[in-house]
PDB file of N, CA and C in Angstrom:
ATOM      1  N   UNK A   1      22.977 -53.325  33.966  1.00  0.00           N
ATOM      2  CA  UNK A   1      22.058 -52.630  34.660  1.00  0.00           C
ATOM      3  C   UNK A   1      21.061 -51.808  33.774  1.00  0.00           C
ATOM      4  N   UNK A   2      21.644 -51.432  32.675  1.00  0.00           N
ATOM      5  CA  UNK A   2      20.742 -50.548  31.729  1.00  0.00           C
ATOM      6  C   UNK A   2      20.191 -51.330  30.655  1.00  0.00           C
ATOM      7  N   UNK A   3      20.362 -52.659  30.647  1.00  0.00           N
ATOM      8  CA  UNK A   3      19.548 -53.399  29.581  1.00  0.00           C
ATOM      9  C   UNK A   3      18.068 -53.253  29.544  1.00  0.00           C
ATOM     10  N   UNK A   4      17.264 -52.924  30.473  1.00  0.00           N
ATOM     11  CA  UNK A   4      15.749 -52.727  30.429  1.00  0.00           C
ATOM     12  C   UNK A   4      15.568 -51.556  29.598  1.00  0.00           C
ATOM     13  N   UNK A   5      16.540 -50.652  29.500  1.00  0.00           N
ATOM     14  CA  UNK A   5      16.281 -49.333  28.622  1.00  0.00           C
ATOM     15  C   UNK A   5      16.121 -49.715  27.070  1.00  0.00           C
ATOM     16  N   UNK A   6      16.600 -50.952  26.782  1.00  0.00           N
ATOM     17  CA  UNK A   6      16.561 -51.454  25.182  1.00  0.00           C
ATOM     18  C   UNK A   6      15.058 -52.055  24.986  1.00  0.00           C
ATOM     19  N   UNK A   7      14.301 -52.238  26.044  1.00  0.00           N
ATOM     20  CA  UNK A   7      12.887 -52.638  25.800  1.00  0.00           C
ATOM     21  C   UNK A   7      12.259 -53.492  26.852  1.00  0.00           C
ATOM     22  N   UNK A   8      11.112 -54.260  26.719  1.00  0.00           N
ATOM     23  CA  UNK A   8      10.576 -54.821  27.903  1.00  0.00           C
ATOM     24  C   UNK A   8      11.322 -56.170  28.072  1.00  0.00           C
ATOM     25  N   UNK A   9      11.333 -56.517  29.354  1.00  0.00           N
ATOM     26  CA  UNK A   9      11.850 -57.725  29.867  1.00  0.00           C
ATOM     27  C   UNK A   9      10.737 -58.340  30.953  1.00  0.00           C
ATOM     28  N   UNK A  10      10.680 -59.609  30.760  1.00  0.00           N
ATOM     29  CA  UNK A  10       9.664 -60.326  31.654  1.00  0.00           C
ATOM     30  C   UNK A  10      10.355 -61.621  32.149  1.00  0.00           C
ATOM     31  N   UNK A  11       9.897 -61.982  33.532  1.00  0.00           N
ATOM     32  CA  UNK A  11      10.540 -63.189  33.976  1.00  0.00           C
ATOM     33  C   UNK A  11       9.574 -63.913  34.910  1.00  0.00           C
ATOM     34  N   UNK A  12      10.066 -65.086  35.214  1.00  0.00           N
ATOM     35  CA  UNK A  12       9.288 -65.927  36.247  1.00  0.00           C
ATOM     36  C   UNK A  12      10.206 -66.103  37.479  1.00  0.00           C
ATOM     37  N   UNK A  13       9.691 -65.952  38.621  1.00  0.00           N
ATOM     38  CA  UNK A  13      10.450 -66.027  39.739  1.00  0.00           C
ATOM     39  C   UNK A  13       9.909 -67.221  40.751  1.00  0.00           C
ATOM     40  N   UNK A  14      10.924 -67.735  41.531  1.00  0.00           N
ATOM     41  CA  UNK A  14      10.563 -68.664  42.589  1.00  0.00           C
ATOM     42  C   UNK A  14      11.099 -68.023  43.818  1.00  0.00           C
ATOM     43  N   UNK A  15      10.163 -67.359  44.360  1.00  0.00           N
ATOM     44  CA  UNK A  15      10.442 -66.604  45.586  1.00  0.00           C
ATOM     45  C   UNK A  15      11.135 -65.214  45.145  1.00  0.00           C
ATOM     46  N   UNK A  16      12.364 -65.097  45.499  1.00  0.00           N
ATOM     47  CA  UNK A  16      13.322 -63.964  45.105  1.00  0.00           C
ATOM     48  C   UNK A  16      14.093 -64.357  43.936  1.00  0.00           C
ATOM     49  N   UNK A  17      14.278 -65.659  43.529  1.00  0.00           N
ATOM     50  CA  UNK A  17      15.015 -66.076  42.540  1.00  0.00           C
ATOM     51  C   UNK A  17      14.397 -66.193  41.083  1.00  0.00           C
ATOM     52  N   UNK A  18      15.177 -65.320  40.211  1.00  0.00           N
ATOM     53  CA  UNK A  18      14.724 -65.332  38.807  1.00  0.00           C
ATOM     54  C   UNK A  18      14.961 -66.699  38.145  1.00  0.00           C
ATOM     55  N   UNK A  19      14.083 -67.328  37.706  1.00  0.00           N
ATOM     56  CA  UNK A  19      14.244 -68.774  37.063  1.00  0.00           C
ATOM     57  C   UNK A  19      14.069 -68.771  35.590  1.00  0.00           C
ATOM     58  N   UNK A  20      13.498 -67.787  35.035  1.00  0.00           N
ATOM     59  CA  UNK A  20      13.414 -67.703  33.555  1.00  0.00           C
ATOM     60  C   UNK A  20      13.076 -66.150  33.078  1.00  0.00           C
ATOM     61  N   UNK A  21      13.698 -65.823  31.997  1.00  0.00           N
ATOM     62  CA  UNK A  21      13.433 -64.540  31.589  1.00  0.00           C
ATOM     63  C   UNK A  21      13.526 -64.595  29.984  1.00  0.00           C
ATOM     64  N   UNK A  22      12.996 -63.295  29.404  1.00  0.00           N
ATOM     65  CA  UNK A  22      13.053 -63.051  28.033  1.00  0.00           C
ATOM     66  C   UNK A  22      12.923 -61.581  27.897  1.00  0.00           C
ATOM     67  N   UNK A  23      13.448 -60.985  27.012  1.00  0.00           N
ATOM     68  CA  UNK A  23      13.358 -59.566  26.836  1.00  0.00           C
ATOM     69  C   UNK A  23      13.612 -59.083  25.325  1.00  0.00           C
ATOM     70  N   UNK A  24      13.777 -57.855  25.250  1.00  0.00           N
ATOM     71  CA  UNK A  24      14.099 -57.159  23.851  1.00  0.00           C
ATOM     72  C   UNK A  24      15.341 -56.475  23.915  1.00  0.00           C
ATOM     73  N   UNK A  25      15.947 -56.452  22.667  1.00  0.00           N
ATOM     74  CA  UNK A  25      17.269 -55.729  22.700  1.00  0.00           C
ATOM     75  C   UNK A  25      17.394 -54.939  21.493  1.00  0.00           C
ATOM     76  N   UNK A  26      17.810 -55.439  20.358  1.00  0.00           N
ATOM     77  CA  UNK A  26      18.129 -54.610  19.145  1.00  0.00           C
ATOM     78  C   UNK A  26      16.900 -54.247  18.427  1.00  0.00           C
ATOM     79  N   UNK A  27      16.816 -53.187  17.722  1.00  0.00           N
ATOM     80  CA  UNK A  27      15.781 -53.062  16.865  1.00  0.00           C
ATOM     81  C   UNK A  27      16.351 -52.203  15.661  1.00  0.00           C
ATOM     82  N   UNK A  28      15.852 -52.514  14.442  1.00  0.00           N
ATOM     83  CA  UNK A  28      16.298 -51.863  13.248  1.00  0.00           C
ATOM     84  C   UNK A  28      14.894 -51.828  12.353  1.00  0.00           C
ATOM     85  N   UNK A  29      14.464 -50.534  12.375  1.00  0.00           N
ATOM     86  CA  UNK A  29      13.020 -50.294  11.739  1.00  0.00           C
ATOM     87  C   UNK A  29      11.968 -51.017  12.460  1.00  0.00           C
ATOM     88  N   UNK A  30      11.244 -51.885  11.618  1.00  0.00           N
ATOM     89  CA  UNK A  30      10.290 -52.549  12.312  1.00  0.00           C
ATOM     90  C   UNK A  30      10.716 -53.805  12.776  1.00  0.00           C
ATOM     91  N   UNK A  31      12.081 -54.301  12.523  1.00  0.00           N
ATOM     92  CA  UNK A  31      12.489 -55.497  13.135  1.00  0.00           C
ATOM     93  C   UNK A  31      13.025 -55.333  14.702  1.00  0.00           C
ATOM     94  N   UNK A  32      12.363 -56.124  15.449  1.00  0.00           N
ATOM     95  CA  UNK A  32      12.709 -56.153  16.968  1.00  0.00           C
ATOM     96  C   UNK A  32      13.117 -57.366  17.509  1.00  0.00           C
ATOM     97  N   UNK A  33      14.204 -57.416  18.135  1.00  0.00           N
ATOM     98  CA  UNK A  33      14.940 -58.674  18.596  1.00  0.00           C
ATOM     99  C   UNK A  33      14.225 -59.216  19.885  1.00  0.00           C
ATOM    100  N   UNK A  34      13.912 -60.334  19.938  1.00  0.00           N
ATOM    101  CA  UNK A  34      13.646 -61.215  21.204  1.00  0.00           C
ATOM    102  C   UNK A  34      14.977 -61.706  21.675  1.00  0.00           C
ATOM    103  N   UNK A  35      15.379 -61.421  22.922  1.00  0.00           N
ATOM    104  CA  UNK A  35      16.736 -61.694  23.459  1.00  0.00           C
ATOM    105  C   UNK A  35      16.614 -62.177  24.925  1.00  0.00           C
ATOM    106  N   UNK A  36      17.740 -62.729  25.293  1.00  0.00           N
ATOM    107  CA  UNK A  36      18.004 -63.056  26.644  1.00  0.00           C
ATOM    108  C   UNK A  36      16.977 -64.088  27.151  1.00  0.00           C
ATOM    109  N   UNK A  37      16.612 -64.977  26.300  1.00  0.00           N
ATOM    110  CA  UNK A  37      15.771 -66.070  26.532  1.00  0.00           C
ATOM    111  C   UNK A  37      16.440 -67.148  27.257  1.00  0.00           C
ATOM    112  N   UNK A  38      16.080 -67.382  28.652  1.00  0.00           N
ATOM    113  CA  UNK A  38      16.916 -68.262  29.238  1.00  0.00           C
ATOM    114  C   UNK A  38      15.914 -69.008  30.414  1.00  0.00           C
ATOM    115  N   UNK A  39      16.342 -70.148  30.811  1.00  0.00           N
ATOM    116  CA  UNK A  39      15.632 -70.751  31.978  1.00  0.00           C
ATOM    117  C   UNK A  39      16.659 -71.452  32.714  1.00  0.00           C
ATOM    118  N   UNK A  40      16.669 -71.377  34.072  1.00  0.00           N
ATOM    119  CA  UNK A  40      17.492 -71.987  35.022  1.00  0.00           C
ATOM    120  C   UNK A  40      17.364 -73.543  34.687  1.00  0.00           C
ATOM    121  N   UNK A  41      18.454 -74.213  34.685  1.00  0.00           N
ATOM    122  CA  UNK A  41      18.539 -75.761  34.432  1.00  0.00           C
ATOM    123  C   UNK A  41      17.422 -76.395  35.411  1.00  0.00           C
ATOM    124  N   UNK A  42      17.226 -75.960  36.675  1.00  0.00           N
ATOM    125  CA  UNK A  42      16.475 -76.833  37.496  1.00  0.00           C
ATOM    126  C   UNK A  42      15.004 -76.724  37.166  1.00  0.00           C
ATOM    127  N   UNK A  43      14.656 -75.589  36.274  1.00  0.00           N
ATOM    128  CA  UNK A  43      13.342 -75.330  36.065  1.00  0.00           C
ATOM    129  C   UNK A  43      12.954 -75.489  34.427  1.00  0.00           C
ATOM    130  N   UNK A  44      13.983 -76.171  33.623  1.00  0.00           N
ATOM    131  CA  UNK A  44      13.646 -76.427  32.291  1.00  0.00           C
ATOM    132  C   UNK A  44      12.661 -77.292  32.026  1.00  0.00           C
ATOM    133  N   UNK A  45      12.001 -77.363  30.791  1.00  0.00           N
ATOM    134  CA  UNK A  45      11.159 -78.259  30.334  1.00  0.00           C
ATOM    135  C   UNK A  45       9.606 -78.010  31.038  1.00  0.00           C
ATOM    136  N   UNK A  46       9.378 -76.908  31.606  1.00  0.00           N
ATOM    137  CA  UNK A  46       8.064 -76.388  31.948  1.00  0.00           C
ATOM    138  C   UNK A  46       7.288 -75.505  31.078  1.00  0.00           C
ATOM    139  N   UNK A  47       7.976 -75.128  30.003  1.00  0.00           N
ATOM    140  CA  UNK A  47       7.430 -74.086  29.070  1.00  0.00           C
ATOM    141  C   UNK A  47       7.495 -72.703  29.390  1.00  0.00           C
ATOM    142  N   UNK A  48       8.375 -72.354  30.364  1.00  0.00           N
ATOM    143  CA  UNK A  48       8.532 -70.949  30.886  1.00  0.00           C
ATOM    144  C   UNK A  48       9.167 -70.050  29.870  1.00  0.00           C
ATOM    145  N   UNK A  49      10.163 -70.595  29.208  1.00  0.00           N
ATOM    146  CA  UNK A  49      10.755 -69.741  28.033  1.00  0.00           C
ATOM    147  C   UNK A  49       9.840 -69.462  26.907  1.00  0.00           C
ATOM    148  N   UNK A  50       9.097 -70.455  26.679  1.00  0.00           N
ATOM    149  CA  UNK A  50       8.110 -70.388  25.502  1.00  0.00           C
ATOM    150  C   UNK A  50       6.965 -69.305  25.910  1.00  0.00           C
ATOM    151  N   UNK A  51       6.604 -69.443  26.933  1.00  0.00           N
ATOM    152  CA  UNK A  51       5.431 -68.496  27.402  1.00  0.00           C
ATOM    153  C   UNK A  51       6.049 -67.096  27.360  1.00  0.00           C
ATOM    154  N   UNK A  52       7.202 -66.922  27.903  1.00  0.00           N
ATOM    155  CA  UNK A  52       7.639 -65.523  28.007  1.00  0.00           C
ATOM    156  C   UNK A  52       7.943 -64.946  26.575  1.00  0.00           C
ATOM    157  N   UNK A  53       8.575 -65.816  25.643  1.00  0.00           N
ATOM    158  CA  UNK A  53       8.875 -65.458  24.408  1.00  0.00           C
ATOM    159  C   UNK A  53       7.605 -65.090  23.482  1.00  0.00           C
ATOM    160  N   UNK A  54       6.544 -65.971  23.730  1.00  0.00           N
ATOM    161  CA  UNK A  54       5.199 -65.731  22.990  1.00  0.00           C
ATOM    162  C   UNK A  54       4.661 -64.326  23.506  1.00  0.00           C
ATOM    163  N   UNK A  55       4.729 -64.148  24.870  1.00  0.00           N
ATOM    164  CA  UNK A  55       4.415 -62.854  25.258  1.00  0.00           C
ATOM    165  C   UNK A  55       5.065 -61.655  24.617  1.00  0.00           C
ATOM    166  N   UNK A  56       6.254 -61.721  24.465  1.00  0.00           N
ATOM    167  CA  UNK A  56       6.998 -60.713  23.773  1.00  0.00           C
ATOM    168  C   UNK A  56       6.631 -60.614  22.334  1.00  0.00           C
ATOM    169  N   UNK A  57       6.498 -61.782  21.532  1.00  0.00           N
ATOM    170  CA  UNK A  57       6.194 -61.818  20.261  1.00  0.00           C
ATOM    171  C   UNK A  57       4.860 -61.102  20.032  1.00  0.00           C
ATOM    172  N   UNK A  58       3.777 -61.578  20.773  1.00  0.00           N
ATOM    173  CA  UNK A  58       2.508 -61.087  20.644  1.00  0.00           C
ATOM    174  C   UNK A  58       2.356 -59.568  20.870  1.00  0.00           C
ATOM    175  N   UNK A  59       3.305 -59.088  21.931  1.00  0.00           N
ATOM    176  CA  UNK A  59       3.231 -57.632  22.185  1.00  0.00           C
ATOM    177  C   UNK A  59       3.949 -56.813  20.995  1.00  0.00           C
ATOM    178  N   UNK A  60       5.095 -57.336  20.310  1.00  0.00           N
ATOM    179  CA  UNK A  60       5.496 -56.755  19.186  1.00  0.00           C
ATOM    180  C   UNK A  60       4.648 -56.739  18.122  1.00  0.00           C
ATOM    181  N   UNK A  61       4.040 -58.009  17.857  1.00  0.00           N
ATOM    182  CA  UNK A  61       3.187 -57.822  16.588  1.00  0.00           C
ATOM    183  C   UNK A  61       1.937 -56.899  16.822  1.00  0.00           C
ATOM    184  N   UNK A  62       1.491 -56.698  18.120  1.00  0.00           N
ATOM    185  CA  UNK A  62       0.378 -55.990  18.138  1.00  0.00           C
ATOM    186  C   UNK A  62       0.862 -54.451  17.922  1.00  0.00           C
ATOM    187  N   UNK A  63       2.204 -54.230  17.987  1.00  0.00           N
ATOM    188  CA  UNK A  63       2.720 -52.886  17.595  1.00  0.00           C
ATOM    189  C   UNK A  63       3.005 -52.747  16.289  1.00  0.00           C
ATOM    190  N   UNK A  64       2.863 -53.702  15.471  1.00  0.00           N
ATOM    191  CA  UNK A  64       3.172 -53.930  14.059  1.00  0.00           C
ATOM    192  C   UNK A  64       4.629 -54.177  13.724  1.00  0.00           C
ATOM    193  N   UNK A  65       5.314 -54.735  14.714  1.00  0.00           N
ATOM    194  CA  UNK A  65       6.737 -55.162  14.509  1.00  0.00           C
ATOM    195  C   UNK A  65       6.954 -56.363  14.134  1.00  0.00           C
ATOM    196  N   UNK A  66       8.135 -56.716  13.630  1.00  0.00           N
ATOM    197  CA  UNK A  66       8.464 -58.172  13.337  1.00  0.00           C
ATOM    198  C   UNK A  66       9.417 -58.630  14.156  1.00  0.00           C
ATOM    199  N   UNK A  67       9.281 -59.603  15.043  1.00  0.00           N
ATOM    200  CA  UNK A  67      10.152 -60.085  15.892  1.00  0.00           C
ATOM    201  C   UNK A  67      11.162 -61.013  15.181  1.00  0.00           C
ATOM    202  N   UNK A  68      12.296 -60.993  15.624  1.00  0.00           N
ATOM    203  CA  UNK A  68      13.545 -61.876  15.292  1.00  0.00           C
ATOM    204  C   UNK A  68      14.303 -62.227  16.439  1.00  0.00           C
ATOM    205  N   UNK A  69      15.090 -63.299  16.272  1.00  0.00           N
ATOM    206  CA  UNK A  69      15.982 -63.712  17.370  1.00  0.00           C
ATOM    207  C   UNK A  69      17.229 -64.321  16.787  1.00  0.00           C
ATOM    208  N   UNK A  70      18.147 -64.546  17.628  1.00  0.00           N
ATOM    209  CA  UNK A  70      19.318 -65.313  17.064  1.00  0.00           C
ATOM    210  C   UNK A  70      19.553 -66.510  18.042  1.00  0.00           C
ATOM    211  N   UNK A  71      20.184 -67.611  17.379  1.00  0.00           N
ATOM    212  CA  UNK A  71      20.549 -68.731  18.308  1.00  0.00           C
ATOM    213  C   UNK A  71      21.753 -69.433  17.637  1.00  0.00           C
ATOM    214  N   UNK A  72      22.695 -69.879  18.592  1.00  0.00           N
ATOM    215  CA  UNK A  72      23.717 -70.643  18.173  1.00  0.00           C
ATOM    216  C   UNK A  72      23.258 -72.013  17.474  1.00  0.00           C
ATOM    217  N   UNK A  73      23.924 -72.489  16.363  1.00  0.00           N
ATOM    218  CA  UNK A  73      23.584 -73.591  15.658  1.00  0.00           C
ATOM    219  C   UNK A  73      23.512 -74.894  16.385  1.00  0.00           C
ATOM    220  N   UNK A  74      24.508 -74.928  17.428  1.00  0.00           N
ATOM    221  CA  UNK A  74      24.616 -76.117  18.318  1.00  0.00           C
ATOM    222  C   UNK A  74      23.692 -76.318  19.274  1.00  0.00           C
ATOM    223  N   UNK A  75      22.614 -75.194  19.506  1.00  0.00           N
ATOM    224  CA  UNK A  75      21.740 -75.234  20.491  1.00  0.00           C
ATOM    225  C   UNK A  75      20.482 -75.952  20.042  1.00  0.00           C
ATOM    226  N   UNK A  76      20.569 -77.199  19.816  1.00  0.00           N
ATOM    227  CA  UNK A  76      19.316 -77.833  19.217  1.00  0.00           C
ATOM    228  C   UNK A  76      18.080 -77.646  19.977  1.00  0.00           C
ATOM    229  N   UNK A  77      18.144 -77.695  21.405  1.00  0.00           N
ATOM    230  CA  UNK A  77      16.793 -77.534  21.995  1.00  0.00           C
ATOM    231  C   UNK A  77      16.162 -76.171  21.792  1.00  0.00           C
ATOM    232  N   UNK A  78      17.030 -75.255  21.844  1.00  0.00           N
ATOM    233  CA  UNK A  78      16.338 -73.833  21.425  1.00  0.00           C
ATOM    234  C   UNK A  78      15.891 -73.720  20.007  1.00  0.00           C
ATOM    235  N   UNK A  79      16.674 -74.276  19.083  1.00  0.00           N
ATOM    236  CA  UNK A  79      16.343 -74.300  17.721  1.00  0.00           C
ATOM    237  C   UNK A  79      15.008 -74.956  17.494  1.00  0.00           C
ATOM    238  N   UNK A  80      14.669 -76.015  17.968  1.00  0.00           N
ATOM    239  CA  UNK A  80      13.539 -76.801  18.089  1.00  0.00           C
ATOM    240  C   UNK A  80      12.393 -76.009  18.581  1.00  0.00           C
ATOM    241  N   UNK A  81      12.512 -75.362  19.771  1.00  0.00           N
ATOM    242  CA  UNK A  81      11.422 -74.621  20.383  1.00  0.00           C
ATOM    243  C   UNK A  81      11.047 -73.415  19.462  1.00  0.00           C
ATOM    244  N   UNK A  82      12.009 -72.686  18.993  1.00  0.00           N
ATOM    245  CA  UNK A  82      11.748 -71.541  18.245  1.00  0.00           C
ATOM    246  C   UNK A  82      11.071 -72.083  16.820  1.00  0.00           C
ATOM    247  N   UNK A  83      11.565 -73.038  16.228  1.00  0.00           N
ATOM    248  CA  UNK A  83      10.752 -73.509  14.915  1.00  0.00           C
ATOM    249  C   UNK A  83       9.237 -74.034  15.260  1.00  0.00           C
ATOM    250  N   UNK A  84       9.137 -74.674  16.455  1.00  0.00           N
ATOM    251  CA  UNK A  84       7.751 -74.935  16.958  1.00  0.00           C
ATOM    252  C   UNK A  84       6.920 -73.695  17.021  1.00  0.00           C
ATOM    253  N   UNK A  85       7.468 -72.525  17.435  1.00  0.00           N
ATOM    254  CA  UNK A  85       6.795 -71.319  17.649  1.00  0.00           C
ATOM    255  C   UNK A  85       6.629 -70.587  16.379  1.00  0.00           C
ATOM    256  N   UNK A  86       7.117 -70.981  15.172  1.00  0.00           N
ATOM    257  CA  UNK A  86       6.979 -70.376  14.008  1.00  0.00           C
ATOM    258  C   UNK A  86       8.066 -69.535  13.545  1.00  0.00           C
ATOM    259  N   UNK A  87       9.138 -69.598  14.140  1.00  0.00           N
ATOM    260  CA  UNK A  87      10.288 -68.849  13.607  1.00  0.00           C
ATOM    261  C   UNK A  87      10.922 -69.764  12.502  1.00  0.00           C
ATOM    262  N   UNK A  88      11.566 -69.079  11.616  1.00  0.00           N
ATOM    263  CA  UNK A  88      12.090 -69.729  10.469  1.00  0.00           C
ATOM    264  C   UNK A  88      13.607 -69.280  10.319  1.00  0.00           C
ATOM    265  N   UNK A  89      14.418 -70.172   9.933  1.00  0.00           N
ATOM    266  CA  UNK A  89      15.827 -69.806   9.738  1.00  0.00           C
ATOM    267  C   UNK A  89      15.966 -68.754   8.487  1.00  0.00           C
ATOM    268  N   UNK A  90      16.599 -67.769   8.686  1.00  0.00           N
ATOM    269  CA  UNK A  90      16.529 -66.534   7.699  1.00  0.00           C
ATOM    270  C   UNK A  90      17.970 -66.504   7.138  1.00  0.00           C
ATOM    271  N   UNK A  91      18.958 -66.545   8.088  1.00  0.00           N
ATOM    272  CA  UNK A  91      20.353 -66.321   7.736  1.00  0.00           C
ATOM    273  C   UNK A  91      21.299 -67.058   8.783  1.00  0.00           C
ATOM    274  N   UNK A  92      22.264 -67.760   8.174  1.00  0.00           N
ATOM    275  CA  UNK A  92      23.156 -68.288   9.170  1.00  0.00           C
ATOM    276  C   UNK A  92      24.455 -67.594   8.931  1.00  0.00           C
ATOM    277  N   UNK A  93      25.017 -67.292  10.061  1.00  0.00           N
ATOM    278  CA  UNK A  93      26.384 -66.515   9.825  1.00  0.00           C
ATOM    279  C   UNK A  93      27.419 -67.014  10.833  1.00  0.00           C
ATOM    280  N   UNK A  94      28.526 -66.506  10.636  1.00  0.00           N
ATOM    281  CA  UNK A  94      29.595 -66.829  11.556  1.00  0.00           C
ATOM    282  C   UNK A  94      29.727 -65.709  12.677  1.00  0.00           C
ATOM    283  N   UNK A  95      29.835 -66.362  13.788  1.00  0.00           N
ATOM    284  CA  UNK A  95      29.883 -65.387  15.125  1.00  0.00           C
ATOM    285  C   UNK A  95      31.202 -65.684  15.601  1.00  0.00           C
ATOM    286  N   UNK A  96      31.818 -64.585  16.045  1.00  0.00           N
ATOM    287  CA  UNK A  96      33.231 -64.852  16.898  1.00  0.00           C
ATOM    288  C   UNK A  96      32.826 -64.336  18.159  1.00  0.00           C
ATOM    289  N   UNK A  97      33.208 -65.328  19.158  1.00  0.00           N
ATOM    290  CA  UNK A  97      33.012 -65.001  20.571  1.00  0.00           C
ATOM    291  C   UNK A  97      34.264 -64.580  21.086  1.00  0.00           C
ATOM    292  N   UNK A  98      34.346 -63.281  21.701  1.00  0.00           N
ATOM    293  CA  UNK A  98      35.822 -62.596  22.150  1.00  0.00           C
ATOM    294  C   UNK A  98      35.571 -62.690  23.717  1.00  0.00           C
ATOM    295  N   UNK A  99      36.449 -63.091  24.495  1.00  0.00           N
ATOM    296  CA  UNK A  99      36.395 -63.011  25.996  1.00  0.00           C
ATOM    297  C   UNK A  99      37.729 -62.254  26.671  1.00  0.00           C
ATOM    298  N   UNK A 100      37.348 -61.540  27.695  1.00  0.00           N
ATOM    299  CA  UNK A 100      38.375 -60.822  28.235  1.00  0.00           C
ATOM    300  C   UNK A 100      38.805 -61.413  29.478  1.00  0.00           C
ATOM    301  N   UNK A 101      39.928 -61.881  29.775  1.00  0.00           N
ATOM    302  CA  UNK A 101      40.287 -62.819  31.008  1.00  0.00           C
ATOM    303  C   UNK A 101      41.066 -61.708  31.771  1.00  0.00           C
ATOM    304  N   UNK A 102      40.692 -61.538  33.099  1.00  0.00           N
ATOM    305  CA  UNK A 102      41.573 -60.811  33.968  1.00  0.00           C
ATOM    306  C   UNK A 102      42.713 -61.587  34.455  1.00  0.00           C
ATOM    307  N   UNK A 103      43.894 -60.998  34.624  1.00  0.00           N
ATOM    308  CA  UNK A 103      45.035 -61.779  35.084  1.00  0.00           C
ATOM    309  C   UNK A 103      45.367 -61.163  36.434  1.00  0.00           C
ATOM    310  N   UNK A 104      45.880 -62.034  37.196  1.00  0.00           N
ATOM    311  CA  UNK A 104      46.202 -61.653  38.497  1.00  0.00           C
ATOM    312  C   UNK A 104      47.420 -60.962  38.669  1.00  0.00           C
TER     313      UNK A 104
END
């Protein structure tokens, strides 16, 4: 619920249904993360995530900020998209995903 407090978020809707989104999350000095980039599978391949990401990148750069993002190494479609947009690999690091499962 409080995610929008971290920065701007934009999306595309099909009626009341959110079909693609991108926003901002962390910042450290002049570095600002572009985050939450996703498109519903039924709407992929239309350039929606690309348009939203470019909008955020443009707005950040107009404010003198440096956009960055993270992506899992196995997510080849996202890696390709980001590279086409001008992002370059800076650092590869180990990520540990921790999940909490409720028990009945």
